PDB file of N, CA and C in Angstrom:
ATOM      1  N   MET A   1     -23.990 -31.020  -6.220  1.00  0.00           N
ATOM      2  CA  MET A   1     -22.785 -30.315  -6.615  1.00  0.00           C
ATOM      3  C   MET A   1     -21.905 -30.120  -5.381  1.00  0.00           C
ATOM      4  N   THR A   2     -20.650 -30.453  -5.484  1.00  0.00           N
ATOM      5  CA  THR A   2     -19.716 -30.284  -4.371  1.00  0.00           C
ATOM      6  C   THR A   2     -18.825 -29.080  -4.649  1.00  0.00           C
ATOM      7  N   GLU A   3     -18.023 -28.738  -3.659  1.00  0.00           N
ATOM      8  CA  GLU A   3     -17.109 -27.604  -3.825  1.00  0.00           C
ATOM      9  C   GLU A   3     -16.127 -27.825  -4.971  1.00  0.00           C
ATOM     10  N   ASP A   4     -15.797 -29.066  -5.233  1.00  0.00           N
ATOM     11  CA  ASP A   4     -14.841 -29.380  -6.297  1.00  0.00           C
ATOM     12  C   ASP A   4     -15.423 -29.127  -7.686  1.00  0.00           C
ATOM     13  N   ASP A   5     -16.752 -29.104  -7.783  1.00  0.00           N
ATOM     14  CA  ASP A   5     -17.399 -28.944  -9.079  1.00  0.00           C
ATOM     15  C   ASP A   5     -17.601 -27.478  -9.472  1.00  0.00           C
ATOM     16  N   VAL A   6     -17.356 -26.552  -8.564  1.00  0.00           N
ATOM     17  CA  VAL A   6     -17.596 -25.142  -8.846  1.00  0.00           C
ATOM     18  C   VAL A   6     -16.443 -24.589  -9.684  1.00  0.00           C
ATOM     19  N   PRO A   7     -16.757 -24.063 -10.874  1.00  0.00           N
ATOM     20  CA  PRO A   7     -15.688 -23.498 -11.700  1.00  0.00           C
ATOM     21  C   PRO A   7     -15.188 -22.177 -11.096  1.00  0.00           C
ATOM     22  N   VAL A   8     -13.915 -21.968 -11.193  1.00  0.00           N
ATOM     23  CA  VAL A   8     -13.303 -20.761 -10.658  1.00  0.00           C
ATOM     24  C   VAL A   8     -12.792 -19.929 -11.820  1.00  0.00           C
ATOM     25  N   ASP A   9     -13.291 -18.691 -11.911  1.00  0.00           N
ATOM     26  CA  ASP A   9     -12.818 -17.781 -12.945  1.00  0.00           C
ATOM     27  C   ASP A   9     -11.519 -17.136 -12.462  1.00  0.00           C
ATOM     28  N   ILE A  10     -10.486 -17.278 -13.243  1.00  0.00           N
ATOM     29  CA  ILE A  10      -9.190 -16.696 -12.900  1.00  0.00           C
ATOM     30  C   ILE A  10      -8.956 -15.496 -13.808  1.00  0.00           C
ATOM     31  N   TYR A  11      -8.667 -14.369 -13.187  1.00  0.00           N
ATOM     32  CA  TYR A  11      -8.420 -13.150 -13.939  1.00  0.00           C
ATOM     33  C   TYR A  11      -6.962 -13.114 -14.373  1.00  0.00           C
ATOM     34  N   HIS A  12      -6.751 -12.929 -15.642  1.00  0.00           N
ATOM     35  CA  HIS A  12      -5.399 -12.821 -16.184  1.00  0.00           C
ATOM     36  C   HIS A  12      -5.186 -11.405 -16.692  1.00  0.00           C
ATOM     37  N   VAL A  13      -4.120 -10.774 -16.231  1.00  0.00           N
ATOM     38  CA  VAL A  13      -3.802  -9.411 -16.632  1.00  0.00           C
ATOM     39  C   VAL A  13      -3.023  -9.450 -17.930  1.00  0.00           C
ATOM     40  N   ASP A  14      -3.431  -8.609 -18.858  1.00  0.00           N
ATOM     41  CA  ASP A  14      -2.718  -8.477 -20.113  1.00  0.00           C
ATOM     42  C   ASP A  14      -1.306  -7.954 -19.817  1.00  0.00           C
ATOM     43  N   GLU A  15      -0.287  -8.609 -20.346  1.00  0.00           N
ATOM     44  CA  GLU A  15       1.099  -8.227 -20.040  1.00  0.00           C
ATOM     45  C   GLU A  15       1.412  -6.804 -20.471  1.00  0.00           C
ATOM     46  N   ALA A  16       0.863  -6.370 -21.585  1.00  0.00           N
ATOM     47  CA  ALA A  16       1.102  -5.002 -22.058  1.00  0.00           C
ATOM     48  C   ALA A  16       0.509  -3.989 -21.080  1.00  0.00           C
ATOM     49  N   LEU A  17      -0.667  -4.295 -20.561  1.00  0.00           N
ATOM     50  CA  LEU A  17      -1.301  -3.416 -19.583  1.00  0.00           C
ATOM     51  C   LEU A  17      -0.481  -3.365 -18.299  1.00  0.00           C
ATOM     52  N   GLU A  18       0.023  -4.506 -17.880  1.00  0.00           N
ATOM     53  CA  GLU A  18       0.859  -4.566 -16.678  1.00  0.00           C
ATOM     54  C   GLU A  18       2.115  -3.718 -16.851  1.00  0.00           C
ATOM     55  N   GLU A  19       2.780  -3.852 -17.974  1.00  0.00           N
ATOM     56  CA  GLU A  19       3.997  -3.076 -18.238  1.00  0.00           C
ATOM     57  C   GLU A  19       3.693  -1.585 -18.298  1.00  0.00           C
ATOM     58  N   HIS A  20       2.556  -1.235 -18.905  1.00  0.00           N
ATOM     59  CA  HIS A  20       2.162   0.172 -18.992  1.00  0.00           C
ATOM     60  C   HIS A  20       1.936   0.752 -17.598  1.00  0.00           C
ATOM     61  N   GLN A  21       1.251   0.008 -16.728  1.00  0.00           N
ATOM     62  CA  GLN A  21       0.979   0.496 -15.383  1.00  0.00           C
ATOM     63  C   GLN A  21       2.257   0.627 -14.566  1.00  0.00           C
ATOM     64  N   ILE A  22       3.178  -0.301 -14.720  1.00  0.00           N
ATOM     65  CA  ILE A  22       4.464  -0.216 -14.019  1.00  0.00           C
ATOM     66  C   ILE A  22       5.220   1.033 -14.477  1.00  0.00           C
ATOM     67  N   ALA A  23       5.204   1.306 -15.766  1.00  0.00           N
ATOM     68  CA  ALA A  23       5.871   2.491 -16.305  1.00  0.00           C
ATOM     69  C   ALA A  23       5.229   3.772 -15.770  1.00  0.00           C
ATOM     70  N   ARG A  24       3.903   3.786 -15.686  1.00  0.00           N
ATOM     71  CA  ARG A  24       3.207   4.966 -15.148  1.00  0.00           C
ATOM     72  C   ARG A  24       3.570   5.192 -13.687  1.00  0.00           C
ATOM     73  N   THR A  25       3.640   4.110 -12.920  1.00  0.00           N
ATOM     74  CA  THR A  25       3.989   4.231 -11.510  1.00  0.00           C
ATOM     75  C   THR A  25       5.411   4.765 -11.363  1.00  0.00           C
ATOM     76  N   GLN A  26       6.329   4.259 -12.162  1.00  0.00           N
ATOM     77  CA  GLN A  26       7.717   4.746 -12.112  1.00  0.00           C
ATOM     78  C   GLN A  26       7.794   6.222 -12.495  1.00  0.00           C
ATOM     79  N   GLU A  27       7.001   6.622 -13.481  1.00  0.00           N
ATOM     80  CA  GLU A  27       6.985   8.025 -13.912  1.00  0.00           C
ATOM     81  C   GLU A  27       6.520   8.937 -12.773  1.00  0.00           C
ATOM     82  N   VAL A  28       5.474   8.519 -12.071  1.00  0.00           N
ATOM     83  CA  VAL A  28       4.976   9.306 -10.942  1.00  0.00           C
ATOM     84  C   VAL A  28       6.030   9.366  -9.841  1.00  0.00           C
ATOM     85  N   LYS A  29       6.632   8.229  -9.523  1.00  0.00           N
ATOM     86  CA  LYS A  29       7.636   8.207  -8.463  1.00  0.00           C
ATOM     87  C   LYS A  29       8.858   9.049  -8.818  1.00  0.00           C
ATOM     88  N   ASN A  30       9.216   9.098 -10.100  1.00  0.00           N
ATOM     89  CA  ASN A  30      10.373   9.886 -10.517  1.00  0.00           C
ATOM     90  C   ASN A  30      10.095  11.380 -10.549  1.00  0.00           C
ATOM     91  N   SER A  31       8.825  11.771 -10.677  1.00  0.00           N
ATOM     92  CA  SER A  31       8.504  13.188 -10.804  1.00  0.00           C
ATOM     93  C   SER A  31       7.946  13.808  -9.520  1.00  0.00           C
ATOM     94  N   ARG A  32       7.725  13.024  -8.483  1.00  0.00           N
ATOM     95  CA  ARG A  32       7.153  13.562  -7.250  1.00  0.00           C
ATOM     96  C   ARG A  32       8.218  14.239  -6.400  1.00  0.00           C
ATOM     97  N   ASP A  33       7.772  15.021  -5.433  1.00  0.00           N
ATOM     98  CA  ASP A  33       8.659  15.712  -4.496  1.00  0.00           C
ATOM     99  C   ASP A  33       9.005  14.739  -3.364  1.00  0.00           C
ATOM    100  N   GLU A  34      10.191  14.152  -3.446  1.00  0.00           N
ATOM    101  CA  GLU A  34      10.588  13.125  -2.475  1.00  0.00           C
ATOM    102  C   GLU A  34      10.635  13.656  -1.041  1.00  0.00           C
ATOM    103  N   LYS A  35      10.994  14.926  -0.893  1.00  0.00           N
ATOM    104  CA  LYS A  35      11.048  15.508   0.450  1.00  0.00           C
ATOM    105  C   LYS A  35       9.647  15.559   1.056  1.00  0.00           C
ATOM    106  N   ARG A  36       8.667  15.966   0.259  1.00  0.00           N
ATOM    107  CA  ARG A  36       7.282  16.031   0.736  1.00  0.00           C
ATOM    108  C   ARG A  36       6.755  14.636   1.060  1.00  0.00           C
ATOM    109  N   VAL A  37       7.076  13.665   0.208  1.00  0.00           N
ATOM    110  CA  VAL A  37       6.644  12.285   0.456  1.00  0.00           C
ATOM    111  C   VAL A  37       7.252  11.778   1.764  1.00  0.00           C
ATOM    112  N   GLY A  38       8.540  12.004   1.948  1.00  0.00           N
ATOM    113  CA  GLY A  38       9.216  11.562   3.169  1.00  0.00           C
ATOM    114  C   GLY A  38       8.626  12.187   4.417  1.00  0.00           C
ATOM    115  N   GLN A  39       8.320  13.486   4.340  1.00  0.00           N
ATOM    116  CA  GLN A  39       7.721  14.162   5.490  1.00  0.00           C
ATOM    117  C   GLN A  39       6.333  13.608   5.791  1.00  0.00           C
ATOM    118  N   ALA A  40       5.548  13.373   4.740  1.00  0.00           N
ATOM    119  CA  ALA A  40       4.196  12.841   4.928  1.00  0.00           C
ATOM    120  C   ALA A  40       4.246  11.450   5.560  1.00  0.00           C
ATOM    121  N   LEU A  41       5.168  10.621   5.099  1.00  0.00           N
ATOM    122  CA  LEU A  41       5.289   9.273   5.659  1.00  0.00           C
ATOM    123  C   LEU A  41       5.804   9.314   7.094  1.00  0.00           C
ATOM    124  N   GLU A  42       6.693  10.249   7.382  1.00  0.00           N
ATOM    125  CA  GLU A  42       7.198  10.396   8.743  1.00  0.00           C
ATOM    126  C   GLU A  42       6.081  10.842   9.685  1.00  0.00           C
ATOM    127  N   CYS A  43       5.266  11.785   9.231  1.00  0.00           N
ATOM    128  CA  CYS A  43       4.132  12.237  10.049  1.00  0.00           C
ATOM    129  C   CYS A  43       3.131  11.107  10.264  1.00  0.00           C
ATOM    130  N   LEU A  44       2.924  10.299   9.248  1.00  0.00           N
ATOM    131  CA  LEU A  44       2.042   9.137   9.375  1.00  0.00           C
ATOM    132  C   LEU A  44       2.577   8.184  10.440  1.00  0.00           C
ATOM    133  N   GLY A  45       3.876   7.937  10.419  1.00  0.00           N
ATOM    134  CA  GLY A  45       4.490   7.062  11.418  1.00  0.00           C
ATOM    135  C   GLY A  45       4.353   7.608  12.824  1.00  0.00           C
ATOM    136  N   GLU A  46       4.527   8.920  12.979  1.00  0.00           N
ATOM    137  CA  GLU A  46       4.383   9.548  14.292  1.00  0.00           C
ATOM    138  C   GLU A  46       2.942   9.454  14.783  1.00  0.00           C
ATOM    139  N   ALA A  47       1.995   9.636  13.861  1.00  0.00           N
ATOM    140  CA  ALA A  47       0.584   9.529  14.240  1.00  0.00           C
ATOM    141  C   ALA A  47       0.258   8.107  14.696  1.00  0.00           C
ATOM    142  N   CYS A  48       0.800   7.125  14.003  1.00  0.00           N
ATOM    143  CA  CYS A  48       0.586   5.726  14.404  1.00  0.00           C
ATOM    144  C   CYS A  48       1.180   5.458  15.779  1.00  0.00           C
ATOM    145  N   THR A  49       2.384   5.940  15.984  1.00  0.00           N
ATOM    146  CA  THR A  49       3.076   5.722  17.250  1.00  0.00           C
ATOM    147  C   THR A  49       2.331   6.376  18.410  1.00  0.00           C
ATOM    148  N   ASN A  50       1.736   7.549  18.156  1.00  0.00           N
ATOM    149  CA  ASN A  50       1.050   8.303  19.206  1.00  0.00           C
ATOM    150  C   ASN A  50      -0.439   7.998  19.281  1.00  0.00           C
ATOM    151  N   ASN A  51      -0.874   6.931  18.597  1.00  0.00           N
ATOM    152  CA  ASN A  51      -2.257   6.466  18.658  1.00  0.00           C
ATOM    153  C   ASN A  51      -3.259   7.543  18.235  1.00  0.00           C
ATOM    154  N   LYS A  52      -2.900   8.301  17.189  1.00  0.00           N
ATOM    155  CA  LYS A  52      -3.796   9.323  16.653  1.00  0.00           C
ATOM    156  C   LYS A  52      -4.614   8.740  15.511  1.00  0.00           C
ATOM    157  N   ASN A  53      -5.680   9.437  15.151  1.00  0.00           N
ATOM    158  CA  ASN A  53      -6.454   9.093  13.970  1.00  0.00           C
ATOM    159  C   ASN A  53      -5.569   9.378  12.756  1.00  0.00           C
ATOM    160  N   VAL A  54      -5.335   8.389  11.921  1.00  0.00           N
ATOM    161  CA  VAL A  54      -4.363   8.526  10.837  1.00  0.00           C
ATOM    162  C   VAL A  54      -4.967   8.935   9.502  1.00  0.00           C
ATOM    163  N   MET A  55      -6.285   9.104   9.425  1.00  0.00           N
ATOM    164  CA  MET A  55      -6.912   9.367   8.128  1.00  0.00           C
ATOM    165  C   MET A  55      -6.354  10.618   7.452  1.00  0.00           C
ATOM    166  N   SER A  56      -6.228  11.711   8.160  1.00  0.00           N
ATOM    167  CA  SER A  56      -5.716  12.935   7.539  1.00  0.00           C
ATOM    168  C   SER A  56      -4.259  12.763   7.094  1.00  0.00           C
ATOM    169  N   TYR A  57      -3.507  11.952   7.823  1.00  0.00           N
ATOM    170  CA  TYR A  57      -2.116  11.691   7.458  1.00  0.00           C
ATOM    171  C   TYR A  57      -2.032  10.803   6.213  1.00  0.00           C
ATOM    172  N   LEU A  58      -2.955   9.864   6.091  1.00  0.00           N
ATOM    173  CA  LEU A  58      -3.016   9.033   4.890  1.00  0.00           C
ATOM    174  C   LEU A  58      -3.390   9.871   3.668  1.00  0.00           C
ATOM    175  N   ILE A  59      -4.340  10.782   3.847  1.00  0.00           N
ATOM    176  CA  ILE A  59      -4.746  11.665   2.746  1.00  0.00           C
ATOM    177  C   ILE A  59      -3.578  12.545   2.323  1.00  0.00           C
ATOM    178  N   ASP A  60      -2.846  13.071   3.292  1.00  0.00           N
ATOM    179  CA  ASP A  60      -1.686  13.903   2.975  1.00  0.00           C
ATOM    180  C   ASP A  60      -0.616  13.094   2.245  1.00  0.00           C
ATOM    181  N   ALA A  61      -0.387  11.872   2.684  1.00  0.00           N
ATOM    182  CA  ALA A  61       0.610  11.020   2.031  1.00  0.00           C
ATOM    183  C   ALA A  61       0.180  10.698   0.597  1.00  0.00           C
ATOM    184  N   ALA A  62      -1.091  10.377   0.417  1.00  0.00           N
ATOM    185  CA  ALA A  62      -1.584  10.081  -0.924  1.00  0.00           C
ATOM    186  C   ALA A  62      -1.527  11.317  -1.812  1.00  0.00           C
ATOM    187  N   SER A  63      -1.807  12.477  -1.243  1.00  0.00           N
ATOM    188  CA  SER A  63      -1.746  13.731  -2.008  1.00  0.00           C
ATOM    189  C   SER A  63      -0.331  14.055  -2.453  1.00  0.00           C
ATOM    190  N   SER A  64       0.644  13.572  -1.696  1.00  0.00           N
ATOM    191  CA  SER A  64       2.043  13.804  -2.071  1.00  0.00           C
ATOM    192  C   SER A  64       2.571  12.698  -2.987  1.00  0.00           C
ATOM    193  N   TYR A  65       1.671  11.812  -3.409  1.00  0.00           N
ATOM    194  CA  TYR A  65       1.975  10.704  -4.315  1.00  0.00           C
ATOM    195  C   TYR A  65       2.789   9.584  -3.679  1.00  0.00           C
ATOM    196  N   ALA A  66       2.632   9.413  -2.366  1.00  0.00           N
ATOM    197  CA  ALA A  66       3.187   8.217  -1.728  1.00  0.00           C
ATOM    198  C   ALA A  66       2.354   7.035  -2.206  1.00  0.00           C
ATOM    199  N   THR A  67       2.987   5.905  -2.408  1.00  0.00           N
ATOM    200  CA  THR A  67       2.255   4.733  -2.867  1.00  0.00           C
ATOM    201  C   THR A  67       1.603   4.022  -1.688  1.00  0.00           C
ATOM    202  N   LEU A  68       0.631   3.198  -1.991  1.00  0.00           N
ATOM    203  CA  LEU A  68      -0.022   2.399  -0.954  1.00  0.00           C
ATOM    204  C   LEU A  68       1.003   1.510  -0.262  1.00  0.00           C
ATOM    205  N   GLN A  69       1.925   0.958  -1.027  1.00  0.00           N
ATOM    206  CA  GLN A  69       2.979   0.112  -0.460  1.00  0.00           C
ATOM    207  C   GLN A  69       3.808   0.890   0.562  1.00  0.00           C
ATOM    208  N   GLU A  70       4.150   2.121   0.239  1.00  0.00           N
ATOM    209  CA  GLU A  70       4.954   2.935   1.152  1.00  0.00           C
ATOM    210  C   GLU A  70       4.185   3.241   2.433  1.00  0.00           C
ATOM    211  N   MET A  71       2.886   3.507   2.305  1.00  0.00           N
ATOM    212  CA  MET A  71       2.072   3.777   3.489  1.00  0.00           C
ATOM    213  C   MET A  71       1.934   2.512   4.341  1.00  0.00           C
ATOM    214  N   CYS A  72       1.740   1.367   3.693  1.00  0.00           N
ATOM    215  CA  CYS A  72       1.643   0.097   4.422  1.00  0.00           C
ATOM    216  C   CYS A  72       2.972  -0.257   5.086  1.00  0.00           C
ATOM    217  N   ASP A  73       4.086   0.113   4.463  1.00  0.00           N
ATOM    218  CA  ASP A  73       5.396  -0.115   5.075  1.00  0.00           C
ATOM    219  C   ASP A  73       5.497   0.623   6.408  1.00  0.00           C
ATOM    220  N   VAL A  74       4.939   1.838   6.466  1.00  0.00           N
ATOM    221  CA  VAL A  74       4.936   2.598   7.718  1.00  0.00           C
ATOM    222  C   VAL A  74       4.141   1.837   8.771  1.00  0.00           C
ATOM    223  N   PHE A  75       2.963   1.334   8.393  1.00  0.00           N
ATOM    224  CA  PHE A  75       2.160   0.554   9.340  1.00  0.00           C
ATOM    225  C   PHE A  75       2.925  -0.666   9.837  1.00  0.00           C
ATOM    226  N   ARG A  76       3.589  -1.367   8.919  1.00  0.00           N
ATOM    227  CA  ARG A  76       4.354  -2.561   9.324  1.00  0.00           C
ATOM    228  C   ARG A  76       5.502  -2.188  10.259  1.00  0.00           C
ATOM    229  N   ASP A  77       6.159  -1.066   9.993  1.00  0.00           N
ATOM    230  CA  ASP A  77       7.261  -0.631  10.859  1.00  0.00           C
ATOM    231  C   ASP A  77       6.778  -0.332  12.272  1.00  0.00           C
ATOM    232  N   VAL A  78       5.614   0.291  12.370  1.00  0.00           N
ATOM    233  CA  VAL A  78       5.098   0.689  13.681  1.00  0.00           C
ATOM    234  C   VAL A  78       4.401  -0.465  14.397  1.00  0.00           C
ATOM    235  N   PHE A  79       3.520  -1.170  13.674  1.00  0.00           N
ATOM    236  CA  PHE A  79       2.674  -2.182  14.321  1.00  0.00           C
ATOM    237  C   PHE A  79       3.171  -3.614  14.150  1.00  0.00           C
ATOM    238  N   GLY A  80       4.108  -3.831  13.244  1.00  0.00           N
ATOM    239  CA  GLY A  80       4.574  -5.180  12.979  1.00  0.00           C
ATOM    240  C   GLY A  80       3.662  -5.883  11.990  1.00  0.00           C
ATOM    241  N   VAL A  81       3.904  -7.171  11.804  1.00  0.00           N
ATOM    242  CA  VAL A  81       3.140  -7.978  10.855  1.00  0.00           C
ATOM    243  C   VAL A  81       2.435  -9.079  11.634  1.00  0.00           C
ATOM    244  N   TYR A  82       1.146  -9.219  11.401  1.00  0.00           N
ATOM    245  CA  TYR A  82       0.382 -10.261  12.077  1.00  0.00           C
ATOM    246  C   TYR A  82       0.759 -11.619  11.518  1.00  0.00           C
ATOM    247  N   ARG A  83       1.014 -12.536  12.402  1.00  0.00           N
ATOM    248  CA  ARG A  83       1.283 -13.929  12.025  1.00  0.00           C
ATOM    249  C   ARG A  83       0.256 -14.803  12.711  1.00  0.00           C
ATOM    250  N   ASP A  84      -0.517 -15.505  11.918  1.00  0.00           N
ATOM    251  CA  ASP A  84      -1.534 -16.406  12.462  1.00  0.00           C
ATOM    252  C   ASP A  84      -0.835 -17.509  13.246  1.00  0.00           C
ATOM    253  N   PRO A  85      -1.206 -17.687  14.525  1.00  0.00           N
ATOM    254  CA  PRO A  85      -0.541 -18.718  15.313  1.00  0.00           C
ATOM    255  C   PRO A  85      -0.876 -20.133  14.826  1.00  0.00           C
ATOM    256  N   GLY A  86      -1.938 -20.288  14.071  1.00  0.00           N
ATOM    257  CA  GLY A  86      -2.267 -21.589  13.510  1.00  0.00           C
ATOM    258  C   GLY A  86      -2.822 -22.578  14.511  1.00  0.00           C
ATOM    259  N   THR A  87      -3.284 -22.088  15.643  1.00  0.00           N
ATOM    260  CA  THR A  87      -3.871 -22.980  16.644  1.00  0.00           C
ATOM    261  C   THR A  87      -5.359 -22.720  16.753  1.00  0.00           C
ATOM    262  N   PHE A  88      -6.086 -23.730  17.195  1.00  0.00           N
ATOM    263  CA  PHE A  88      -7.522 -23.591  17.357  1.00  0.00           C
ATOM    264  C   PHE A  88      -7.887 -23.593  18.805  1.00  0.00           C
TER     265      PHE A  88
END
């Protein structure tokens, strides 16, 4: 058996479930305290910049209903994005 012969199971998300989850996320984002979210993300950015342990800042951001994407955006702003040089 070669690598080409191995079947690959592909997960397909039900479109109704996807739409429901998007609606739930929008509902949370519309009802959260934007000022608290902004402060939590700002503190997270400062902790990253000052080389502090960020776990408590991540917990605070998540508790204020910041999304994972928003927290990762802070990391990208501070640390940049890794680009594989593609050399061996």
